[in-house]
Amino acid sequence: MNYHLGFPGKIIFGKAQLQELPKELSGKAKILLVVGSHTVKSGIAKKILDLLSKFEVLEISGIHAEPPLEDVDMVINAGRNFNADAVVAIGGGSVIDAAKAAAAIIPFEGNCADYFYGKRDISLNGLFFIALPTTSGAGAEITSNAVLSDPESDIKKSIRHHSMYANVAIVDPELTYSCPPALTAHSGLDAFTQAVESYISKGANTVSKALAAKAVELIFDSLETAYHKPEDETARSDMAEGSMITAMAFAQSSLGAVHGLAHPLGAKFHIPHGLCCAILLPLILRWNLQVCEKELTELANLCDLPDAKIFIDKVETLCRCLSIPTGFKDFGLNKSHYDFILKNCRSGSMRSNPRHLEDSEIIQILETLS
């Protein structure tokens, strides 16, 4: 088996590791700090600013979920006008993806749409970039792509390049303690979906499967506790580590049909990504069962379950316990949307799904969820 591995330049994990941030910025002077709205409200942004008191800092907030191109342009323009020499992002996946894309583009010409639609290519390293997640879900601090959306076309896809890995990823579970229950559920199920899809992906390899397996085990055992008892430090730490590890896995293996379908569904109906994945996951696993029962049974055994079918049942039960709806009917999905979804679901994730899904089979899935 041949494979290539790629990770951030440095990964720092553990409680109170936020304190390492100033040291990791040594030699930098002008810091563009991109923060999420919850990060501001919770007081974490103030703590960051205090840590960075010896630097010249410009703080940017207001990044929307499923970050639109104009939000990335806002960060790009701020960074260029400020002459920033480093970008620090602290927030959920949307904040980190927007900042990651901006850091890659700021030193060069053009706006985000130029790169999103392939008019320009990323070919050189951008600004020095540090990512600190405040949710346990997307794993954007680990990956070399930024998932963005264009509201005018309802297209959601990635800008990616190997130079977009963070120079430093600091994963401090304490930053997730104030994450509200719904976001804990949505982001956690996104991480769990990524772990499962990475394990059964056509692109899986020895390293990615080992990482994904451990992530499944950590998240399956801790997510419900983190949701119902958000103050539980062990559950929060296990979720943060599981999310980080699953991103290390899927960055090497790609994902599957859940993510292939979640992108156009999320873009069309403005559904949070993790929620979209959670709605899709049990049904897609049942579709995939016939071609990857062995792998799903291996994951079941890690979760102290006897077989793949019971594993899928338990995943569905977990989704119901975390208040995940059973379909997209309440979001407005109907057959008039099927062509758009078919046109925009054939991504790398869909190609990595262990079972090839014909258009007619995707329509069956959509009909079940409508």
Protein backbone atom coordinates (compact mmCIF):
# COMPACT_ATOMS: atom_id res chain seq x y z
CA MET A 1 0.00 0.00 0.00
CA ASN A 2 1.30 3.45 -0.96
CA TYR A 3 0.14 6.62 0.75
CA HIS A 4 1.17 10.18 1.57
CA LEU A 5 0.52 11.86 4.92
CA GLY A 6 0.09 15.57 5.62
CA PHE A 7 -0.45 17.37 8.93
CA PRO A 8 -0.03 20.87 10.38
CA GLY A 9 3.54 21.91 11.11
CA LYS A 10 2.94 21.47 14.85
CA ILE A 11 -0.01 20.11 16.81
CA ILE A 12 -0.33 21.02 20.50
CA PHE A 13 -3.02 19.22 22.49
CA GLY A 14 -4.09 19.48 26.10
CA LYS A 15 -5.67 21.49 28.86
CA ALA A 16 -4.29 25.03 29.34
CA GLN A 17 -2.21 24.82 26.15
CA LEU A 18 -3.69 28.15 25.03
CA GLN A 19 -0.83 29.67 27.03
CA GLU A 20 1.58 28.47 24.32
CA LEU A 21 0.15 30.90 21.74
CA PRO A 22 2.51 33.88 22.34
CA LYS A 23 5.57 31.63 22.14
CA GLU A 24 4.39 30.14 18.84
CA LEU A 25 4.10 33.67 17.41
CA SER A 26 7.68 34.56 18.30
CA GLY A 27 9.21 36.74 15.59
CA LYS A 28 5.85 38.03 14.36
CA ALA A 29 4.71 41.60 14.95
CA LYS A 30 1.29 42.29 13.41
CA ILE A 31 -1.34 39.65 14.17
CA LEU A 32 -4.70 39.45 12.43
CA LEU A 33 -6.96 37.78 15.00
CA VAL A 34 -10.13 36.21 13.55
CA VAL A 35 -12.66 35.23 16.22
CA GLY A 36 -16.15 33.77 16.33
CA SER A 37 -19.10 35.57 17.88
CA HIS A 38 -19.39 32.99 20.67
CA THR A 39 -15.68 33.43 21.34
CA VAL A 40 -16.32 37.12 21.95
CA LYS A 41 -19.43 36.57 24.11
CA SER A 42 -17.77 33.89 26.25
CA GLY A 43 -14.80 36.10 27.09
CA ILE A 44 -12.27 33.85 25.34
CA ALA A 45 -11.39 36.59 22.84
CA LYS A 46 -10.52 38.94 25.71
CA LYS A 47 -8.24 36.26 27.17
CA ILE A 48 -6.52 35.91 23.78
CA LEU A 49 -6.00 39.66 23.50
CA ASP A 50 -4.46 39.71 26.97
CA LEU A 51 -2.08 36.92 25.94
CA LEU A 52 -1.12 38.88 22.83
CA SER A 53 -0.60 42.21 24.63
CA LYS A 54 2.98 42.46 23.35
CA PHE A 55 1.88 42.21 19.72
CA GLU A 56 0.05 44.65 17.47
CA VAL A 57 -3.32 42.96 16.99
CA LEU A 58 -6.27 43.66 14.69
CA GLU A 59 -9.38 41.72 15.75
CA ILE A 60 -11.94 40.65 13.15
CA SER A 61 -15.28 38.98 13.95
CA GLY A 62 -18.65 38.50 12.28
CA ILE A 63 -17.89 35.34 10.28
CA HIS A 64 -21.11 33.57 9.33
CA ALA A 65 -21.76 29.83 9.43
CA GLU A 66 -20.83 27.99 6.22
CA PRO A 67 -18.60 31.01 5.50
CA PRO A 68 -19.62 32.98 2.41
CA LEU A 69 -16.99 34.32 0.04
CA GLU A 70 -17.64 37.91 1.10
CA ASP A 71 -16.68 37.05 4.70
CA VAL A 72 -13.35 35.71 3.49
CA ASP A 73 -12.86 38.87 1.42
CA MET A 74 -13.52 40.95 4.55
CA VAL A 75 -10.67 39.13 6.30
CA ILE A 76 -8.41 39.33 3.23
CA ASN A 77 -8.89 43.08 2.87
CA ALA A 78 -8.35 43.66 6.60
CA GLY A 79 -5.14 41.63 6.52
CA ARG A 80 -3.79 43.47 3.48
CA ASN A 81 -4.61 46.92 4.85
CA PHE A 82 -3.08 46.00 8.22
CA ASN A 83 0.02 44.46 6.61
CA ALA A 84 -0.44 41.44 8.84
CA ASP A 85 2.40 38.96 9.07
CA ALA A 86 0.40 36.23 10.84
CA VAL A 87 -3.22 35.11 11.14
CA VAL A 88 -4.65 33.55 14.28
CA ALA A 89 -8.12 31.99 14.14
CA ILE A 90 -10.09 30.99 17.22
CA GLY A 91 -13.60 29.64 16.83
CA GLY A 92 -15.56 26.87 15.17
CA GLY A 93 -14.92 25.35 11.78
CA SER A 94 -16.42 28.26 9.86
CA VAL A 95 -14.17 30.82 11.52
CA ILE A 96 -11.08 28.68 11.05
CA ASP A 97 -11.90 27.92 7.39
CA ALA A 98 -12.51 31.59 6.58
CA ALA A 99 -9.26 32.62 8.27
CA LYS A 100 -7.35 29.73 6.68
CA ALA A 101 -8.47 30.75 3.19
CA ALA A 102 -7.67 34.40 3.90
CA ALA A 103 -4.20 33.55 5.22
CA ALA A 104 -3.50 31.65 2.00
CA ILE A 105 -4.66 34.51 -0.25
CA ILE A 106 -3.64 37.75 1.55
CA PRO A 107 -0.05 37.93 0.19
CA PHE A 108 -1.19 37.44 -3.40
CA GLU A 109 -3.55 39.06 -5.90
CA GLY A 110 -7.26 38.54 -6.34
CA ASN A 111 -10.28 37.93 -4.16
CA CYS A 112 -11.70 34.73 -2.74
CA ALA A 113 -14.03 34.07 -5.68
CA ASP A 114 -11.01 33.95 -8.02
CA TYR A 115 -9.66 30.95 -6.11
CA PHE A 116 -13.06 29.40 -5.32
CA TYR A 117 -13.94 29.22 -9.02
CA GLY A 118 -10.46 28.30 -10.24
CA LYS A 119 -9.53 31.57 -11.96
CA ARG A 120 -6.42 31.68 -9.79
CA ASP A 121 -4.50 28.89 -8.07
CA ILE A 122 -2.78 28.79 -4.71
CA SER A 123 0.82 27.81 -5.43
CA LEU A 124 2.95 29.34 -2.64
CA ASN A 125 2.80 29.57 1.13
CA GLY A 126 0.53 32.26 2.51
CA LEU A 127 0.82 34.01 5.88
CA PHE A 128 1.88 32.20 9.05
CA PHE A 129 -1.33 30.66 10.41
CA ILE A 130 -2.35 29.35 13.84
CA ALA A 131 -5.74 27.72 14.48
CA LEU A 132 -7.44 27.17 17.84
CA PRO A 133 -10.82 25.36 17.75
CA THR A 134 -13.59 26.18 20.25
CA THR A 135 -15.77 23.25 19.11
CA SER A 136 -15.08 19.54 18.81
CA GLY A 137 -16.24 18.86 15.30
CA ALA A 138 -15.01 20.13 11.97
CA GLY A 139 -11.30 19.53 12.54
CA ALA A 140 -10.51 22.55 10.37
CA GLU A 141 -7.41 23.23 12.45
CA ILE A 142 -5.87 20.02 11.07
CA THR A 143 -6.84 20.01 7.38
CA SER A 144 -5.39 21.68 4.27
CA ASN A 145 -8.70 22.85 2.82
CA ALA A 146 -11.27 25.53 3.59
CA VAL A 147 -14.96 24.77 3.01
CA LEU A 148 -16.70 27.91 1.73
CA SER A 149 -20.03 28.83 0.16
CA ASP A 150 -21.31 31.23 -2.46
CA PRO A 151 -24.86 32.32 -1.54
CA GLU A 152 -25.46 33.63 -5.07
CA SER A 153 -25.00 30.20 -6.66
CA ASP A 154 -25.78 27.99 -3.61
CA ILE A 155 -22.46 26.24 -4.27
CA LYS A 156 -20.48 24.96 -1.32
CA LYS A 157 -17.03 23.47 -1.89
CA SER A 158 -13.40 23.65 -0.81
CA ILE A 159 -10.35 25.65 -1.66
CA ARG A 160 -7.44 23.31 -0.97
CA HIS A 161 -3.68 23.19 -1.25
CA HIS A 162 -0.96 21.44 0.76
CA SER A 163 0.38 24.84 1.83
CA MET A 164 -2.89 25.57 3.67
CA TYR A 165 -2.07 23.33 6.63
CA ALA A 166 -1.82 25.45 9.77
CA ASN A 167 1.70 26.19 10.90
CA VAL A 168 0.45 25.47 14.41
CA ALA A 169 -2.78 23.90 15.66
CA ILE A 170 -3.49 24.37 19.36
CA VAL A 171 -6.29 22.09 20.58
CA ASP A 172 -7.13 23.06 24.17
CA PRO A 173 -10.26 21.32 25.54
CA GLU A 174 -10.86 24.25 27.91
CA LEU A 175 -11.83 26.36 24.90
CA THR A 176 -14.83 24.05 24.33
CA TYR A 177 -16.27 24.15 27.85
CA SER A 178 -18.72 26.95 27.03
CA CYS A 179 -19.92 25.34 23.77
CA PRO A 180 -23.77 25.20 23.98
CA PRO A 181 -25.58 21.82 23.82
CA ALA A 182 -26.96 22.09 20.27
CA LEU A 183 -23.57 23.06 18.88
CA THR A 184 -21.93 20.32 20.94
CA ALA A 185 -24.32 17.81 19.33
CA HIS A 186 -23.98 19.08 15.76
CA SER A 187 -20.21 19.49 15.80
CA GLY A 188 -19.71 16.23 17.68
CA LEU A 189 -21.80 14.25 15.21
CA ASP A 190 -19.86 15.88 12.38
CA ALA A 191 -16.65 14.60 13.96
CA PHE A 192 -18.18 11.15 14.48
CA THR A 193 -19.38 11.05 10.86
CA GLN A 194 -15.91 12.01 9.66
CA ALA A 195 -14.35 9.25 11.73
CA VAL A 196 -16.73 6.55 10.45
CA GLU A 197 -16.53 7.73 6.84
CA SER A 198 -12.74 7.93 7.00
CA TYR A 199 -12.55 4.35 8.28
CA ILE A 200 -14.68 2.92 5.46
CA SER A 201 -13.45 5.29 2.73
CA LYS A 202 -11.98 3.91 -0.49
CA GLY A 203 -8.98 6.12 0.30
CA ALA A 204 -8.36 4.67 3.76
CA ASN A 205 -4.84 3.48 4.61
CA THR A 206 -3.11 1.89 7.59
CA VAL A 207 -2.51 5.19 9.38
CA SER A 208 -5.87 6.81 8.64
CA LYS A 209 -7.77 3.69 9.78
CA ALA A 210 -5.87 3.55 13.07
CA LEU A 211 -6.62 7.21 13.74
CA ALA A 212 -10.26 6.95 12.66
CA ALA A 213 -10.85 3.86 14.82
CA LYS A 214 -9.55 5.63 17.93
CA ALA A 215 -11.65 8.69 17.12
CA VAL A 216 -14.83 6.58 16.79
CA GLU A 217 -14.12 5.02 20.17
CA LEU A 218 -13.47 8.36 21.91
CA ILE A 219 -16.46 10.18 20.44
CA PHE A 220 -18.97 7.34 20.80
CA ASP A 221 -18.13 7.09 24.51
CA SER A 222 -18.15 10.82 25.29
CA LEU A 223 -20.54 12.76 23.04
CA GLU A 224 -23.78 12.11 24.91
CA THR A 225 -22.10 13.01 28.21
CA ALA A 226 -20.67 16.23 26.77
CA TYR A 227 -24.16 17.12 25.51
CA HIS A 228 -26.04 16.44 28.75
CA LYS A 229 -23.24 17.39 31.16
CA PRO A 230 -21.29 20.16 29.44
CA GLU A 231 -19.20 20.72 32.56
CA ASP A 232 -17.76 17.19 32.41
CA GLU A 233 -14.06 17.84 31.76
CA THR A 234 -13.23 14.24 30.83
CA ALA A 235 -15.95 14.12 28.18
CA ARG A 236 -14.89 17.50 26.79
CA SER A 237 -11.26 16.40 26.62
CA ASP A 238 -12.15 13.12 24.91
CA MET A 239 -14.33 14.98 22.41
CA ALA A 240 -11.58 17.49 21.65
CA GLU A 241 -9.02 14.74 21.16
CA GLY A 242 -11.43 12.60 19.12
CA SER A 243 -12.25 15.53 16.85
CA MET A 244 -8.57 16.31 16.34
CA ILE A 245 -7.69 12.68 15.60
CA THR A 246 -10.57 12.21 13.16
CA ALA A 247 -9.39 15.24 11.20
CA MET A 248 -5.90 13.74 11.09
CA ALA A 249 -7.54 10.63 9.64
CA PHE A 250 -9.87 12.05 7.01
CA ALA A 251 -7.28 14.57 5.81
CA GLN A 252 -5.46 11.49 4.47
CA SER A 253 -8.39 9.30 3.36
CA SER A 254 -11.21 11.59 2.21
CA LEU A 255 -14.78 10.94 3.39
CA GLY A 256 -17.96 9.53 1.82
CA ALA A 257 -21.52 10.03 0.64
CA VAL A 258 -22.71 11.72 3.84
CA HIS A 259 -20.37 14.62 3.14
CA GLY A 260 -20.98 14.45 -0.59
CA LEU A 261 -24.69 15.06 -0.01
CA ALA A 262 -24.34 17.33 3.03
CA HIS A 263 -22.59 20.07 1.07
CA PRO A 264 -25.34 20.77 -1.51
CA LEU A 265 -28.13 20.16 1.04
CA GLY A 266 -26.51 22.50 3.55
CA ALA A 267 -25.87 25.17 0.93
CA LYS A 268 -29.39 25.02 -0.50
CA PHE A 269 -31.27 25.05 2.82
CA HIS A 270 -28.74 26.83 5.04
CA ILE A 271 -28.55 23.91 7.45
CA PRO A 272 -25.56 23.76 9.84
CA HIS A 273 -23.08 21.28 8.43
CA GLY A 274 -22.91 19.01 11.45
CA LEU A 275 -26.69 18.79 11.66
CA CYS A 276 -26.87 17.95 7.96
CA CYS A 277 -24.34 15.13 8.41
CA ALA A 278 -26.17 13.78 11.46
CA ILE A 279 -29.48 13.56 9.56
CA LEU A 280 -27.81 11.67 6.72
CA LEU A 281 -25.51 9.35 8.64
CA PRO A 282 -27.77 6.45 9.75
CA LEU A 283 -29.45 6.09 6.35
CA ILE A 284 -26.17 6.28 4.37
CA LEU A 285 -24.59 3.69 6.66
CA ARG A 286 -27.48 1.33 5.89
CA TRP A 287 -26.92 1.89 2.15
CA ASN A 288 -23.20 1.18 2.59
CA LEU A 289 -23.65 -1.86 4.81
CA GLN A 290 -23.65 -4.39 1.96
CA VAL A 291 -20.13 -3.43 0.88
CA CYS A 292 -18.43 -2.64 4.22
CA GLU A 293 -20.07 -4.83 6.86
CA LYS A 294 -16.66 -6.11 7.96
CA GLU A 295 -15.32 -2.59 8.61
CA LEU A 296 -18.50 -1.45 10.37
CA THR A 297 -18.41 -4.55 12.55
CA GLU A 298 -14.84 -3.65 13.52
CA LEU A 299 -16.07 -0.22 14.61
CA ALA A 300 -18.99 -1.84 16.43
CA ASN A 301 -16.61 -4.03 18.41
CA LEU A 302 -14.57 -0.97 19.44
CA CYS A 303 -17.82 0.42 20.87
CA ASP A 304 -18.58 -2.86 22.69
CA LEU A 305 -21.31 -3.76 20.22
CA PRO A 306 -21.61 -7.17 18.52
CA ASP A 307 -22.15 -6.30 14.85
CA ALA A 308 -22.56 -3.65 12.18
CA LYS A 309 -26.36 -3.59 12.18
CA ILE A 310 -26.54 -2.93 15.91
CA PHE A 311 -23.82 -0.29 15.52
CA ILE A 312 -25.96 1.56 12.97
CA ASP A 313 -29.02 1.24 15.23
CA LYS A 314 -27.03 2.71 18.13
CA VAL A 315 -25.82 5.57 15.92
CA GLU A 316 -29.43 6.34 15.06
CA THR A 317 -30.39 6.18 18.75
CA LEU A 318 -27.56 8.56 19.58
CA CYS A 319 -28.84 11.01 16.95
CA ARG A 320 -32.34 10.88 18.46
CA CYS A 321 -30.92 11.42 21.98
CA LEU A 322 -29.20 14.55 20.67
CA SER A 323 -32.44 15.89 19.13
CA ILE A 324 -31.48 15.29 15.50
CA PRO A 325 -34.50 15.18 13.13
CA THR A 326 -35.07 12.14 10.93
CA GLY A 327 -35.11 14.00 7.61
CA PHE A 328 -35.13 17.29 5.73
CA LYS A 329 -38.86 17.71 5.19
CA ASP A 330 -39.12 20.52 7.74
CA PHE A 331 -36.30 22.34 5.94
CA GLY A 332 -38.29 22.29 2.68
CA LEU A 333 -36.62 19.47 0.73
CA ASN A 334 -38.77 18.19 -2.12
CA LYS A 335 -38.30 16.71 -5.59
CA SER A 336 -37.83 20.15 -7.16
CA HIS A 337 -34.40 20.25 -5.46
CA TYR A 338 -33.17 16.83 -6.54
CA ASP A 339 -31.51 17.99 -9.78
CA PHE A 340 -29.48 20.65 -7.95
CA ILE A 341 -28.33 18.13 -5.36
CA LEU A 342 -27.43 15.54 -7.99
CA LYS A 343 -25.47 18.12 -9.95
CA ASN A 344 -23.46 19.26 -6.93
CA CYS A 345 -22.91 16.09 -4.90
CA ARG A 346 -20.30 14.38 -7.09
CA SER A 347 -17.35 15.59 -5.05
CA GLY A 348 -14.21 13.82 -3.94
CA SER A 349 -16.11 12.70 -0.85
CA MET A 350 -18.77 11.00 -2.96
CA ARG A 351 -16.10 9.31 -5.09
CA SER A 352 -14.49 7.92 -1.92
CA ASN A 353 -17.71 6.37 -0.65
CA PRO A 354 -17.26 2.57 -0.40
CA ARG A 355 -20.42 1.94 -2.46
CA HIS A 356 -20.96 3.70 -5.77
CA LEU A 357 -24.36 5.38 -5.76
CA GLU A 358 -26.16 5.85 -9.05
CA ASP A 359 -28.28 8.98 -9.57
CA SER A 360 -31.41 6.86 -9.16
CA GLU A 361 -30.16 5.59 -5.79
CA ILE A 362 -29.38 9.11 -4.60
CA ILE A 363 -32.91 10.11 -5.52
CA GLN A 364 -34.21 7.18 -3.45
CA ILE A 365 -32.19 8.47 -0.50
CA LEU A 366 -33.54 11.99 -0.96
CA GLU A 367 -37.10 10.70 -1.24
CA THR A 368 -36.68 8.84 2.05
CA LEU A 369 -35.49 12.04 3.72
CA SER A 370 -38.06 14.39 2.15
